[in-house]
């Protein structure tokens, strides 16, 4: 993990994006404190936990369709 000041990040943004594409995580600092991270796009994508989704739906009164296939279809349609 690399740390770089905001001023330096502004000047080297293209280079930093290339590094992130290669899998590196870059922390951007302001006055010595980390304020942002530049990460590869794959890292940002959340993983779907079907069991957590079922528990959440149950806490709201339950899903209308309570099958794994229905929940996966719902996730695939980006409604999760």
N, C-alpha and C. Protein backbone atom coordinates (compact mmCIF):
# COMPACT_ATOMS: atom_id res chain seq x y z
N UNK A 1 0.85 -1.16 0.00
CA UNK A 1 0.00 0.00 0.00
C UNK A 1 0.90 1.23 0.00
N UNK A 2 0.59 2.15 -0.88
CA UNK A 2 1.37 3.37 -1.02
C UNK A 2 0.59 4.55 -0.47
N UNK A 3 1.26 5.46 0.22
CA UNK A 3 0.63 6.69 0.68
C UNK A 3 1.24 7.84 -0.11
N UNK A 4 0.37 8.78 -0.49
CA UNK A 4 0.81 9.94 -1.26
C UNK A 4 -0.04 11.14 -0.84
N UNK A 5 0.59 12.30 -0.81
CA UNK A 5 -0.16 13.51 -0.43
C UNK A 5 -1.13 13.89 -1.55
N UNK A 6 -2.16 14.61 -1.19
CA UNK A 6 -3.15 15.04 -2.16
C UNK A 6 -2.52 15.87 -3.27
N UNK A 7 -1.61 16.77 -2.91
CA UNK A 7 -0.95 17.61 -3.91
C UNK A 7 -0.16 16.75 -4.91
N UNK A 8 0.57 15.75 -4.41
CA UNK A 8 1.32 14.87 -5.30
C UNK A 8 0.37 14.00 -6.13
N UNK A 9 -0.73 13.57 -5.53
CA UNK A 9 -1.70 12.74 -6.25
C UNK A 9 -2.30 13.50 -7.43
N UNK A 10 -2.56 14.78 -7.24
CA UNK A 10 -3.10 15.61 -8.33
C UNK A 10 -2.12 15.63 -9.51
N UNK A 11 -0.85 15.75 -9.20
CA UNK A 11 0.18 15.86 -10.23
C UNK A 11 0.45 14.52 -10.92
N UNK A 12 0.17 13.40 -10.22
CA UNK A 12 0.53 12.08 -10.75
C UNK A 12 -0.68 11.16 -10.94
N UNK A 13 -1.87 11.72 -11.14
CA UNK A 13 -3.09 10.93 -11.17
C UNK A 13 -3.04 9.80 -12.20
N UNK A 14 -2.60 10.07 -13.41
CA UNK A 14 -2.55 9.02 -14.44
C UNK A 14 -1.67 7.85 -14.00
N UNK A 15 -0.52 8.17 -13.45
CA UNK A 15 0.39 7.13 -12.96
C UNK A 15 -0.25 6.32 -11.83
N UNK A 16 -0.94 7.01 -10.92
CA UNK A 16 -1.58 6.32 -9.80
C UNK A 16 -2.72 5.42 -10.27
N UNK A 17 -3.47 5.86 -11.25
CA UNK A 17 -4.54 5.03 -11.81
C UNK A 17 -3.95 3.78 -12.44
N UNK A 18 -2.85 3.93 -13.14
CA UNK A 18 -2.18 2.75 -13.73
C UNK A 18 -1.75 1.77 -12.65
N UNK A 19 -1.22 2.28 -11.54
CA UNK A 19 -0.81 1.41 -10.44
C UNK A 19 -2.02 0.69 -9.84
N UNK A 20 -3.14 1.40 -9.70
CA UNK A 20 -4.35 0.78 -9.17
C UNK A 20 -4.86 -0.30 -10.11
N UNK A 21 -4.78 -0.05 -11.41
CA UNK A 21 -5.19 -1.08 -12.39
C UNK A 21 -4.37 -2.35 -12.23
N UNK A 22 -3.13 -2.20 -11.80
CA UNK A 22 -2.25 -3.35 -11.61
C UNK A 22 -2.44 -4.01 -10.24
N UNK A 23 -3.39 -3.50 -9.45
CA UNK A 23 -3.73 -4.14 -8.19
C UNK A 23 -3.25 -3.43 -6.93
N UNK A 24 -2.55 -2.33 -7.08
CA UNK A 24 -2.04 -1.62 -5.90
C UNK A 24 -3.12 -0.72 -5.29
N UNK A 25 -3.09 -0.58 -3.99
CA UNK A 25 -3.98 0.33 -3.28
C UNK A 25 -3.17 1.56 -2.90
N UNK A 26 -3.68 2.73 -3.26
CA UNK A 26 -2.98 3.98 -2.98
C UNK A 26 -3.82 4.77 -1.98
N UNK A 27 -3.21 5.15 -0.86
CA UNK A 27 -3.88 5.98 0.12
C UNK A 27 -3.48 7.43 -0.12
N UNK A 28 -4.46 8.31 -0.16
CA UNK A 28 -4.22 9.73 -0.39
C UNK A 28 -4.38 10.45 0.95
N UNK A 29 -3.36 11.25 1.28
CA UNK A 29 -3.35 11.92 2.58
C UNK A 29 -3.50 13.43 2.44
N UNK A 30 -4.05 14.02 3.48
CA UNK A 30 -4.11 15.48 3.61
C UNK A 30 -3.61 15.79 5.01
N UNK A 31 -2.55 16.57 5.08
CA UNK A 31 -1.92 16.91 6.36
C UNK A 31 -1.57 15.66 7.17
N UNK A 32 -1.12 14.62 6.47
CA UNK A 32 -0.66 13.40 7.13
C UNK A 32 -1.75 12.40 7.47
N UNK A 33 -3.02 12.73 7.24
CA UNK A 33 -4.13 11.85 7.56
C UNK A 33 -4.72 11.27 6.28
N UNK A 34 -4.96 9.95 6.26
CA UNK A 34 -5.54 9.30 5.08
C UNK A 34 -6.98 9.79 4.92
N UNK A 35 -7.27 10.34 3.74
CA UNK A 35 -8.61 10.87 3.48
C UNK A 35 -9.32 10.14 2.35
N UNK A 36 -8.57 9.34 1.56
CA UNK A 36 -9.18 8.62 0.45
C UNK A 36 -8.27 7.46 0.05
N UNK A 37 -8.86 6.50 -0.66
CA UNK A 37 -8.09 5.37 -1.19
C UNK A 37 -8.44 5.19 -2.66
N UNK A 38 -7.42 4.94 -3.44
CA UNK A 38 -7.59 4.59 -4.85
C UNK A 38 -7.34 3.10 -4.93
N UNK A 39 -8.37 2.34 -5.31
CA UNK A 39 -8.27 0.89 -5.31
C UNK A 39 -8.68 0.34 -6.67
N UNK A 40 -8.22 -0.87 -6.99
CA UNK A 40 -8.67 -1.50 -8.23
C UNK A 40 -10.19 -1.69 -8.20
N UNK A 41 -10.83 -1.57 -9.34
CA UNK A 41 -12.29 -1.65 -9.41
C UNK A 41 -12.82 -2.97 -8.87
N UNK A 42 -12.09 -4.07 -9.02
CA UNK A 42 -12.57 -5.36 -8.55
C UNK A 42 -12.75 -5.39 -7.04
N UNK A 43 -11.94 -4.65 -6.31
CA UNK A 43 -12.01 -4.65 -4.85
C UNK A 43 -13.28 -3.96 -4.37
N UNK A 44 -13.75 -2.97 -5.09
CA UNK A 44 -14.89 -2.18 -4.66
C UNK A 44 -16.19 -2.95 -4.75
N UNK A 45 -16.30 -3.85 -5.68
CA UNK A 45 -17.55 -4.58 -5.91
C UNK A 45 -17.90 -5.44 -4.68
N UNK A 46 -19.07 -5.21 -4.10
CA UNK A 46 -19.44 -5.99 -2.91
C UNK A 46 -19.82 -7.42 -3.26
N UNK A 47 -19.60 -8.32 -2.31
CA UNK A 47 -20.02 -9.71 -2.48
C UNK A 47 -21.40 -9.85 -1.86
N UNK A 48 -22.25 -10.61 -2.51
CA UNK A 48 -23.60 -10.82 -2.04
C UNK A 48 -23.63 -12.01 -1.09
N UNK A 49 -24.19 -11.81 0.08
CA UNK A 49 -24.34 -12.87 1.07
C UNK A 49 -25.82 -13.25 1.12
N UNK A 50 -26.17 -14.33 0.45
CA UNK A 50 -27.56 -14.75 0.33
C UNK A 50 -28.18 -14.99 1.71
N UNK A 51 -27.44 -15.58 2.63
CA UNK A 51 -28.00 -15.86 3.96
C UNK A 51 -28.32 -14.56 4.71
N UNK A 52 -27.46 -13.56 4.60
CA UNK A 52 -27.74 -12.26 5.22
C UNK A 52 -28.98 -11.63 4.59
N UNK A 53 -29.10 -11.76 3.28
CA UNK A 53 -30.27 -11.23 2.59
C UNK A 53 -31.55 -11.91 3.09
N UNK A 54 -31.50 -13.22 3.27
CA UNK A 54 -32.67 -13.95 3.79
C UNK A 54 -33.03 -13.47 5.19
N UNK A 55 -32.01 -13.29 6.05
CA UNK A 55 -32.28 -12.82 7.42
C UNK A 55 -32.87 -11.42 7.40
N UNK A 56 -32.36 -10.57 6.54
CA UNK A 56 -32.88 -9.21 6.44
C UNK A 56 -34.33 -9.23 5.98
N UNK A 57 -34.62 -10.02 4.96
CA UNK A 57 -36.00 -10.11 4.47
C UNK A 57 -36.92 -10.66 5.55
N UNK A 58 -36.45 -11.64 6.30
CA UNK A 58 -37.26 -12.21 7.38
C UNK A 58 -37.57 -11.15 8.44
N UNK A 59 -36.59 -10.28 8.72
CA UNK A 59 -36.82 -9.23 9.72
C UNK A 59 -37.84 -8.21 9.23
N UNK A 60 -38.07 -8.15 7.93
CA UNK A 60 -39.05 -7.22 7.36
C UNK A 60 -40.38 -7.90 7.08
N UNK A 61 -40.55 -9.12 7.56
CA UNK A 61 -41.80 -9.83 7.34
C UNK A 61 -41.66 -10.95 6.33
N UNK A 62 -40.49 -11.14 5.81
CA UNK A 62 -40.23 -12.25 4.89
C UNK A 62 -40.42 -11.87 3.44
N UNK A 63 -39.70 -12.56 2.57
CA UNK A 63 -39.83 -12.30 1.13
C UNK A 63 -41.12 -12.91 0.59
N UNK A 64 -41.59 -12.38 -0.51
CA UNK A 64 -42.77 -12.97 -1.15
C UNK A 64 -42.43 -14.34 -1.72
N UNK A 65 -41.22 -14.46 -2.25
CA UNK A 65 -40.73 -15.73 -2.75
C UNK A 65 -39.50 -16.08 -1.92
N UNK A 66 -39.52 -17.17 -1.21
CA UNK A 66 -38.40 -17.50 -0.33
C UNK A 66 -37.64 -18.70 -0.88
N UNK A 67 -37.11 -18.55 -2.07
CA UNK A 67 -36.30 -19.62 -2.65
C UNK A 67 -34.94 -19.06 -3.00
N UNK A 68 -33.94 -19.92 -2.99
CA UNK A 68 -32.59 -19.48 -3.37
C UNK A 68 -32.58 -18.94 -4.79
N UNK A 69 -33.33 -19.59 -5.67
CA UNK A 69 -33.35 -19.16 -7.06
C UNK A 69 -33.94 -17.76 -7.19
N UNK A 70 -35.01 -17.49 -6.46
CA UNK A 70 -35.63 -16.16 -6.52
C UNK A 70 -34.68 -15.10 -5.99
N UNK A 71 -33.97 -15.41 -4.89
CA UNK A 71 -33.04 -14.45 -4.33
C UNK A 71 -31.86 -14.20 -5.27
N UNK A 72 -31.35 -15.25 -5.90
CA UNK A 72 -30.25 -15.07 -6.85
C UNK A 72 -30.70 -14.26 -8.06
N UNK A 73 -31.90 -14.51 -8.54
CA UNK A 73 -32.43 -13.74 -9.67
C UNK A 73 -32.56 -12.27 -9.28
N UNK A 74 -33.03 -12.04 -8.06
CA UNK A 74 -33.18 -10.67 -7.57
C UNK A 74 -31.82 -9.98 -7.52
N UNK A 75 -30.80 -10.69 -7.03
CA UNK A 75 -29.44 -10.15 -6.97
C UNK A 75 -28.91 -9.87 -8.37
N UNK A 76 -29.14 -10.80 -9.30
CA UNK A 76 -28.63 -10.64 -10.66
C UNK A 76 -29.29 -9.48 -11.39
N UNK A 77 -30.47 -9.12 -10.97
CA UNK A 77 -31.15 -7.96 -11.57
C UNK A 77 -30.73 -6.65 -10.91
N UNK A 78 -29.72 -6.72 -10.05
CA UNK A 78 -29.16 -5.55 -9.36
C UNK A 78 -30.16 -4.87 -8.44
N UNK A 79 -31.06 -5.63 -7.85
CA UNK A 79 -32.01 -5.06 -6.91
C UNK A 79 -31.53 -5.21 -5.48
N UNK A 80 -30.42 -5.87 -5.27
CA UNK A 80 -29.88 -6.06 -3.92
C UNK A 80 -29.12 -4.84 -3.51
